[in-house]
Amino acid sequence: MRILLVEDDDLIGDAIHASMNSAGYHADWVKDGLEAEDALATSEFDLVILDLGLPGQDGISVLRWLRKNRRSEPVIILTARSAVEHRIEGLDLGADDYMIKPFDMDELQARVRAHIRRSNGRAEPELTHGELCVNPAARIVRFKGEQVDLSSQAYQVLVALLERKGRVISKDELAETLYGWDDGPESNIIEVYVSQIRKRIDPKLIRTIRGIGYVVDAE
């Protein structure tokens, strides 16, 4: 899962960036509103964490631009502004949630999980497929009741495919989920992670669509 973090405060941004990455997300971090619009214009994200008090272009303007361009990513607003009218303005413009600084990082992670879950049309806290069960909060994978150990990257590939069951995802999309704008390894590394998932869970879980990508078929 790929997150865009828009925060100009280095201390807060660094803490959120580290927290999201440790939770298994890939967080791309920009520090002003114009950079945020450029990022959103050229890349797709599963969720946006957006500060309001930004240089260049404030967070409300970024949010307005996002919804005007019919982008549907969930948006969690972060702000030091506690006035009710500011919260109402953000929510009315299309924000999905609001957190006032200072906030608890575990609570932010929980809200991120909830909004990503809902944006994928899922109410249940766990991802399931047959006898496979993934708990994103605990980052635990079980198959037939037994815990399965996966590398961090293979886990992220598995979650990305389960969140989009029935949809073919290309290698490039999966690589962006893992590495974002960073220079990741060669694209065939995705095949290595898919192979690990098949070997440790079920060879038939992930289907290869030759020349296109991979899919976990809808049940």
C-alpha atoms as a PDB file:
ATOM      1  CA  MET A   1       0.000   0.000   0.000  1.00  0.00           C
ATOM      2  CA  ARG A   2       1.354   3.396  -1.019  1.00  0.00           C
ATOM      3  CA  ILE A   3       0.766   6.568   0.999  1.00  0.00           C
ATOM      4  CA  LEU A   4       1.466  10.203   0.138  1.00  0.00           C
ATOM      5  CA  LEU A   5       2.567  12.169   3.204  1.00  0.00           C
ATOM      6  CA  VAL A   6       2.328  15.960   2.855  1.00  0.00           C
ATOM      7  CA  GLU A   7       3.944  17.601   5.894  1.00  0.00           C
ATOM      8  CA  ASP A   8       6.414  20.497   6.085  1.00  0.00           C
ATOM      9  CA  ASP A   9       7.508  19.966   9.700  1.00  0.00           C
ATOM     10  CA  ASP A  10      10.654  17.807   9.610  1.00  0.00           C
ATOM     11  CA  LEU A  11      10.209  16.275  13.071  1.00  0.00           C
ATOM     12  CA  ILE A  12       6.553  15.360  12.570  1.00  0.00           C
ATOM     13  CA  GLY A  13       7.096  14.253   8.990  1.00  0.00           C
ATOM     14  CA  ASP A  14      10.049  12.054   9.891  1.00  0.00           C
ATOM     15  CA  ALA A  15       8.078  10.391  12.697  1.00  0.00           C
ATOM     16  CA  ILE A  16       5.053   9.703  10.470  1.00  0.00           C
ATOM     17  CA  HIS A  17       7.242   8.513   7.594  1.00  0.00           C
ATOM     18  CA  ALA A  18       9.056   6.048   9.855  1.00  0.00           C
ATOM     19  CA  SER A  19       5.797   4.897  11.450  1.00  0.00           C
ATOM     20  CA  MET A  20       4.077   4.223   8.116  1.00  0.00           C
ATOM     21  CA  ASN A  21       7.069   2.360   6.707  1.00  0.00           C
ATOM     22  CA  SER A  22       7.397   0.250   9.861  1.00  0.00           C
ATOM     23  CA  ALA A  23       3.704  -0.650   9.510  1.00  0.00           C
ATOM     24  CA  GLY A  24       4.346  -2.099   6.052  1.00  0.00           C
ATOM     25  CA  TYR A  25       3.284   0.846   3.884  1.00  0.00           C
ATOM     26  CA  HIS A  26       5.476   2.734   1.455  1.00  0.00           C
ATOM     27  CA  ALA A  27       5.228   6.436   2.299  1.00  0.00           C
ATOM     28  CA  ASP A  28       6.357   9.079  -0.202  1.00  0.00           C
ATOM     29  CA  TRP A  29       6.980  12.361   1.625  1.00  0.00           C
ATOM     30  CA  VAL A  30       6.663  15.877   0.164  1.00  0.00           C
ATOM     31  CA  LYS A  31       6.852  19.136   2.086  1.00  0.00           C
ATOM     32  CA  ASP A  32       4.720  21.688   0.250  1.00  0.00           C
ATOM     33  CA  GLY A  33       1.382  21.895  -1.513  1.00  0.00           C
ATOM     34  CA  LEU A  34       2.739  22.342  -5.035  1.00  0.00           C
ATOM     35  CA  GLU A  35       4.910  19.225  -4.681  1.00  0.00           C
ATOM     36  CA  ALA A  36       1.832  17.383  -3.440  1.00  0.00           C
ATOM     37  CA  GLU A  37      -0.183  18.342  -6.518  1.00  0.00           C
ATOM     38  CA  ASP A  38       2.694  17.267  -8.784  1.00  0.00           C
ATOM     39  CA  ALA A  39       2.892  13.921  -6.983  1.00  0.00           C
ATOM     40  CA  LEU A  40      -0.851  13.343  -7.225  1.00  0.00           C
ATOM     41  CA  ALA A  41      -0.866  14.312 -10.904  1.00  0.00           C
ATOM     42  CA  THR A  42       1.756  11.703 -11.792  1.00  0.00           C
ATOM     43  CA  SER A  43       1.237   8.832  -9.329  1.00  0.00           C
ATOM     44  CA  GLU A  44      -1.534   6.853  -7.671  1.00  0.00           C
ATOM     45  CA  PHE A  45      -1.762   6.422  -3.918  1.00  0.00           C
ATOM     46  CA  ASP A  46      -3.914   4.364  -1.578  1.00  0.00           C
ATOM     47  CA  LEU A  47      -4.235   7.212   0.934  1.00  0.00           C
ATOM     48  CA  VAL A  48      -3.085  10.800   1.533  1.00  0.00           C
ATOM     49  CA  ILE A  49      -1.993  12.226   4.899  1.00  0.00           C
ATOM     50  CA  LEU A  50      -2.294  15.982   4.447  1.00  0.00           C
ATOM     51  CA  ASP A  51      -1.165  18.825   6.696  1.00  0.00           C
ATOM     52  CA  LEU A  52      -3.132  22.065   6.302  1.00  0.00           C
ATOM     53  CA  GLY A  53      -0.421  24.631   7.067  1.00  0.00           C
ATOM     54  CA  LEU A  54       1.844  24.134   4.052  1.00  0.00           C
ATOM     55  CA  PRO A  55       4.166  26.470   2.142  1.00  0.00           C
ATOM     56  CA  GLY A  56       3.564  27.050  -1.561  1.00  0.00           C
ATOM     57  CA  GLN A  57      -0.056  25.935  -1.482  1.00  0.00           C
ATOM     58  CA  ASP A  58      -2.044  25.224   1.659  1.00  0.00           C
ATOM     59  CA  GLY A  59      -3.631  21.872   2.421  1.00  0.00           C
ATOM     60  CA  ILE A  60      -7.186  23.061   1.747  1.00  0.00           C
ATOM     61  CA  SER A  61      -6.155  24.087  -1.784  1.00  0.00           C
ATOM     62  CA  VAL A  62      -4.528  20.687  -2.345  1.00  0.00           C
ATOM     63  CA  LEU A  63      -7.674  18.940  -1.115  1.00  0.00           C
ATOM     64  CA  ARG A  64      -9.864  21.092  -3.350  1.00  0.00           C
ATOM     65  CA  TRP A  65      -7.602  20.296  -6.358  1.00  0.00           C
ATOM     66  CA  LEU A  66      -7.683  16.576  -5.533  1.00  0.00           C
ATOM     67  CA  ARG A  67     -11.472  16.336  -5.453  1.00  0.00           C
ATOM     68  CA  LYS A  68     -11.927  18.683  -8.434  1.00  0.00           C
ATOM     69  CA  ASN A  69      -9.843  16.219 -10.449  1.00  0.00           C
ATOM     70  CA  ARG A  70     -12.112  13.379  -9.292  1.00  0.00           C
ATOM     71  CA  ARG A  71      -9.413  11.617  -7.308  1.00  0.00           C
ATOM     72  CA  SER A  72     -10.949   9.357  -4.702  1.00  0.00           C
ATOM     73  CA  GLU A  73      -8.003   8.551  -2.403  1.00  0.00           C
ATOM     74  CA  PRO A  74      -8.961   8.731   1.285  1.00  0.00           C
ATOM     75  CA  VAL A  75      -7.533  11.884   2.878  1.00  0.00           C
ATOM     76  CA  ILE A  76      -6.618  12.257   6.543  1.00  0.00           C
ATOM     77  CA  ILE A  77      -6.032  15.892   7.476  1.00  0.00           C
ATOM     78  CA  LEU A  78      -3.448  16.792  10.119  1.00  0.00           C
ATOM     79  CA  THR A  79      -3.544  20.247  11.637  1.00  0.00           C
ATOM     80  CA  ALA A  80      -2.763  22.345  14.674  1.00  0.00           C
ATOM     81  CA  ARG A  81      -5.981  24.275  14.021  1.00  0.00           C
ATOM     82  CA  SER A  82      -8.540  23.143  16.568  1.00  0.00           C
ATOM     83  CA  ALA A  83     -11.424  25.444  15.588  1.00  0.00           C
ATOM     84  CA  VAL A  84     -14.567  23.555  14.597  1.00  0.00           C
ATOM     85  CA  GLU A  85     -15.044  25.653  11.439  1.00  0.00           C
ATOM     86  CA  HIS A  86     -11.684  24.469  10.074  1.00  0.00           C
ATOM     87  CA  ARG A  87     -12.661  20.828  10.588  1.00  0.00           C
ATOM     88  CA  ILE A  88     -16.036  21.407   8.938  1.00  0.00           C
ATOM     89  CA  GLU A  89     -14.416  23.109   5.938  1.00  0.00           C
ATOM     90  CA  GLY A  90     -11.999  20.231   5.376  1.00  0.00           C
ATOM     91  CA  LEU A  91     -14.653  17.547   5.730  1.00  0.00           C
ATOM     92  CA  ASP A  92     -17.074  19.401   3.446  1.00  0.00           C
ATOM     93  CA  LEU A  93     -14.366  19.671   0.780  1.00  0.00           C
ATOM     94  CA  GLY A  94     -13.915  15.904   0.748  1.00  0.00           C
ATOM     95  CA  ALA A  95     -11.532  14.964   3.562  1.00  0.00           C
ATOM     96  CA  ASP A  96     -12.322  11.613   5.162  1.00  0.00           C
ATOM     97  CA  ASP A  97     -10.842  12.206   8.598  1.00  0.00           C
ATOM     98  CA  TYR A  98      -9.251  14.853  10.797  1.00  0.00           C
ATOM     99  CA  MET A  99      -6.528  14.611  13.450  1.00  0.00           C
ATOM    100  CA  ILE A 100      -5.417  17.531  15.601  1.00  0.00           C
ATOM    101  CA  LYS A 101      -1.737  17.829  16.526  1.00  0.00           C
ATOM    102  CA  PRO A 102      -0.324  16.462  18.735  1.00  0.00           C
ATOM    103  CA  PHE A 103      -1.747  13.002  18.065  1.00  0.00           C
ATOM    104  CA  ASP A 104      -0.926   9.402  18.915  1.00  0.00           C
ATOM    105  CA  MET A 105       0.969   7.558  16.166  1.00  0.00           C
ATOM    106  CA  ASP A 106      -0.768   4.247  16.906  1.00  0.00           C
ATOM    107  CA  GLU A 107      -4.126   5.952  16.446  1.00  0.00           C
ATOM    108  CA  LEU A 108      -2.985   7.392  13.108  1.00  0.00           C
ATOM    109  CA  GLN A 109      -1.937   3.907  11.972  1.00  0.00           C
ATOM    110  CA  ALA A 110      -5.342   2.530  13.014  1.00  0.00           C
ATOM    111  CA  ARG A 111      -7.157   5.245  11.067  1.00  0.00           C
ATOM    112  CA  VAL A 112      -4.989   4.588   8.007  1.00  0.00           C
ATOM    113  CA  ARG A 113      -5.877   0.882   8.155  1.00  0.00           C
ATOM    114  CA  ALA A 114      -9.580   1.675   8.531  1.00  0.00           C
ATOM    115  CA  HIS A 115      -9.712   4.094   5.599  1.00  0.00           C
ATOM    116  CA  ILE A 116      -7.746   1.819   3.268  1.00  0.00           C
ATOM    117  CA  ARG A 117     -10.028  -1.054   4.256  1.00  0.00           C
ATOM    118  CA  ARG A 118     -13.172   0.954   3.514  1.00  0.00           C
ATOM    119  CA  SER A 119     -11.824   2.389   0.267  1.00  0.00           C
ATOM    120  CA  ASN A 120     -11.419  -1.186  -0.966  1.00  0.00           C
ATOM    121  CA  GLY A 121     -15.017  -2.018  -0.040  1.00  0.00           C
ATOM    122  CA  ARG A 122     -14.085  -4.150   2.942  1.00  0.00           C
ATOM    123  CA  ALA A 123     -15.673  -3.837   6.379  1.00  0.00           C
ATOM    124  CA  GLU A 124     -13.833  -6.714   8.065  1.00  0.00           C
ATOM    125  CA  PRO A 125     -10.515  -5.920   9.782  1.00  0.00           C
ATOM    126  CA  GLU A 126      -8.851  -9.033   8.309  1.00  0.00           C
ATOM    127  CA  LEU A 127      -8.135 -10.011   4.715  1.00  0.00           C
ATOM    128  CA  THR A 128      -9.349 -13.525   3.966  1.00  0.00           C
ATOM    129  CA  HIS A 129      -9.255 -15.829   0.971  1.00  0.00           C
ATOM    130  CA  GLY A 130     -10.296 -19.427   1.487  1.00  0.00           C
ATOM    131  CA  GLU A 131      -8.140 -20.750   4.325  1.00  0.00           C
ATOM    132  CA  LEU A 132      -5.805 -17.751   4.148  1.00  0.00           C
ATOM    133  CA  CYS A 133      -6.155 -14.988   6.747  1.00  0.00           C
ATOM    134  CA  VAL A 134      -4.068 -11.798   6.984  1.00  0.00           C
ATOM    135  CA  ASN A 135      -4.291  -9.445   9.961  1.00  0.00           C
ATOM    136  CA  PRO A 136      -2.915  -6.056   8.776  1.00  0.00           C
ATOM    137  CA  ALA A 137      -2.898  -4.570  12.286  1.00  0.00           C
ATOM    138  CA  ALA A 138      -0.629  -7.314  13.645  1.00  0.00           C
ATOM    139  CA  ARG A 139       0.982  -8.100  10.260  1.00  0.00           C
ATOM    140  CA  ILE A 140       0.295 -11.805  10.819  1.00  0.00           C
ATOM    141  CA  VAL A 141      -0.395 -14.252   7.992  1.00  0.00           C
ATOM    142  CA  ARG A 142      -2.092 -17.597   8.687  1.00  0.00           C
ATOM    143  CA  PHE A 143      -2.886 -20.418   6.278  1.00  0.00           C
ATOM    144  CA  LYS A 144      -4.944 -23.379   7.470  1.00  0.00           C
ATOM    145  CA  GLY A 145      -4.498 -22.056  10.996  1.00  0.00           C
ATOM    146  CA  GLU A 146      -0.699 -22.039  10.837  1.00  0.00           C
ATOM    147  CA  GLN A 147       1.336 -18.836  10.913  1.00  0.00           C
ATOM    148  CA  VAL A 148       3.295 -18.152   7.721  1.00  0.00           C
ATOM    149  CA  ASP A 149       6.555 -16.208   7.733  1.00  0.00           C
ATOM    150  CA  LEU A 150       7.063 -13.914   4.740  1.00  0.00           C
ATOM    151  CA  SER A 151       9.643 -11.251   4.010  1.00  0.00           C
ATOM    152  CA  SER A 152       8.411  -7.677   4.443  1.00  0.00           C
ATOM    153  CA  GLN A 153       8.295  -7.196   0.672  1.00  0.00           C
ATOM    154  CA  ALA A 154       6.465 -10.460  -0.015  1.00  0.00           C
ATOM    155  CA  TYR A 155       3.948  -9.525   2.690  1.00  0.00           C
ATOM    156  CA  GLN A 156       3.279  -6.174   1.000  1.00  0.00           C
ATOM    157  CA  VAL A 157       2.803  -7.880  -2.378  1.00  0.00           C
ATOM    158  CA  LEU A 158       0.353 -10.337  -0.815  1.00  0.00           C
ATOM    159  CA  VAL A 159      -1.668  -7.563   0.852  1.00  0.00           C
ATOM    160  CA  ALA A 160      -1.758  -5.508  -2.362  1.00  0.00           C
ATOM    161  CA  LEU A 161      -3.135  -8.483  -4.309  1.00  0.00           C
ATOM    162  CA  LEU A 162      -5.667  -9.431  -1.628  1.00  0.00           C
ATOM    163  CA  GLU A 163      -6.913  -5.840  -1.327  1.00  0.00           C
ATOM    164  CA  ARG A 164      -7.652  -5.926  -5.073  1.00  0.00           C
ATOM    165  CA  LYS A 165      -8.974  -9.443  -5.500  1.00  0.00           C
ATOM    166  CA  GLY A 166     -10.197 -10.058  -9.031  1.00  0.00           C
ATOM    167  CA  ARG A 167      -8.105  -7.238 -10.499  1.00  0.00           C
ATOM    168  CA  VAL A 168      -4.901  -7.849 -12.446  1.00  0.00           C
ATOM    169  CA  ILE A 169      -1.985  -5.829 -11.031  1.00  0.00           C
ATOM    170  CA  SER A 170       1.084  -5.226 -13.163  1.00  0.00           C
ATOM    171  CA  LYS A 171       4.661  -5.726 -11.977  1.00  0.00           C
ATOM    172  CA  ASP A 172       5.194  -1.969 -12.245  1.00  0.00           C
ATOM    173  CA  GLU A 173       2.213  -1.276  -9.954  1.00  0.00           C
ATOM    174  CA  LEU A 174       3.503  -3.762  -7.400  1.00  0.00           C
ATOM    175  CA  ALA A 175       6.998  -2.266  -7.606  1.00  0.00           C
ATOM    176  CA  GLU A 176       5.547   1.219  -6.976  1.00  0.00           C
ATOM    177  CA  THR A 177       3.700  -0.164  -3.953  1.00  0.00           C
ATOM    178  CA  LEU A 178       7.013  -1.412  -2.563  1.00  0.00           C
ATOM    179  CA  TYR A 179       9.412   1.333  -3.565  1.00  0.00           C
ATOM    180  CA  GLY A 180       7.451   4.429  -4.650  1.00  0.00           C
ATOM    181  CA  TRP A 181       9.823   6.976  -6.163  1.00  0.00           C
ATOM    182  CA  ASP A 182      12.869   5.208  -4.771  1.00  0.00           C
ATOM    183  CA  ASP A 183      15.018   3.212  -7.151  1.00  0.00           C
ATOM    184  CA  GLY A 184      14.080  -0.357  -6.377  1.00  0.00           C
ATOM    185  CA  PRO A 185      15.698  -3.551  -7.634  1.00  0.00           C
ATOM    186  CA  GLU A 186      15.097  -4.920 -11.119  1.00  0.00           C
ATOM    187  CA  SER A 187      11.441  -5.597 -11.964  1.00  0.00           C
ATOM    188  CA  ASN A 188      11.978  -9.375 -11.871  1.00  0.00           C
ATOM    189  CA  ILE A 189      12.313  -9.101  -8.081  1.00  0.00           C
ATOM    190  CA  ILE A 190       8.493  -9.103  -7.989  1.00  0.00           C
ATOM    191  CA  GLU A 191       8.624 -12.633  -9.414  1.00  0.00           C
ATOM    192  CA  VAL A 192      10.827 -13.624  -6.471  1.00  0.00           C
ATOM    193  CA  TYR A 193       8.262 -12.335  -3.947  1.00  0.00           C
ATOM    194  CA  VAL A 194       5.368 -13.998  -5.792  1.00  0.00           C
ATOM    195  CA  SER A 195       7.334 -17.252  -5.833  1.00  0.00           C
ATOM    196  CA  GLN A 196       7.907 -16.986  -2.071  1.00  0.00           C
ATOM    197  CA  ILE A 197       4.169 -16.497  -1.459  1.00  0.00           C
ATOM    198  CA  ARG A 198       3.273 -19.470  -3.650  1.00  0.00           C
ATOM    199  CA  LYS A 199       5.859 -21.703  -2.002  1.00  0.00           C
ATOM    200  CA  ARG A 200       4.900 -20.850   1.579  1.00  0.00           C
ATOM    201  CA  ILE A 201       1.119 -20.581   1.175  1.00  0.00           C
ATOM    202  CA  ASP A 202      -0.409 -22.122  -1.951  1.00  0.00           C
ATOM    203  CA  PRO A 203       0.984 -22.519  -5.492  1.00  0.00           C
ATOM    204  CA  LYS A 204      -2.479 -21.726  -6.902  1.00  0.00           C
ATOM    205  CA  LEU A 205      -3.151 -18.592  -4.832  1.00  0.00           C
ATOM    206  CA  ILE A 206      -1.702 -16.101  -7.331  1.00  0.00           C
ATOM    207  CA  ARG A 207      -2.387 -16.468 -11.042  1.00  0.00           C
ATOM    208  CA  THR A 208       0.033 -15.052 -13.610  1.00  0.00           C
ATOM    209  CA  ILE A 209      -1.514 -13.195 -16.539  1.00  0.00           C
ATOM    210  CA  ARG A 210       1.280 -13.448 -19.069  1.00  0.00           C
ATOM    211  CA  GLY A 211       2.590 -10.097 -20.225  1.00  0.00           C
ATOM    212  CA  ILE A 212       0.270  -8.182 -17.874  1.00  0.00           C
ATOM    213  CA  GLY A 213       0.733  -9.065 -14.206  1.00  0.00           C
ATOM    214  CA  TYR A 214      -0.733 -11.066 -11.342  1.00  0.00           C
ATOM    215  CA  VAL A 215      -4.164 -11.620  -9.820  1.00  0.00           C
ATOM    216  CA  VAL A 216      -5.772 -13.307  -6.833  1.00  0.00           C
ATOM    217  CA  ASP A 217      -9.092 -14.424  -8.274  1.00  0.00           C
ATOM    218  CA  ALA A 218     -12.263 -13.324  -6.508  1.00  0.00           C
ATOM    219  CA  GLU A 219     -13.948 -16.150  -4.617  1.00  0.00           C
END
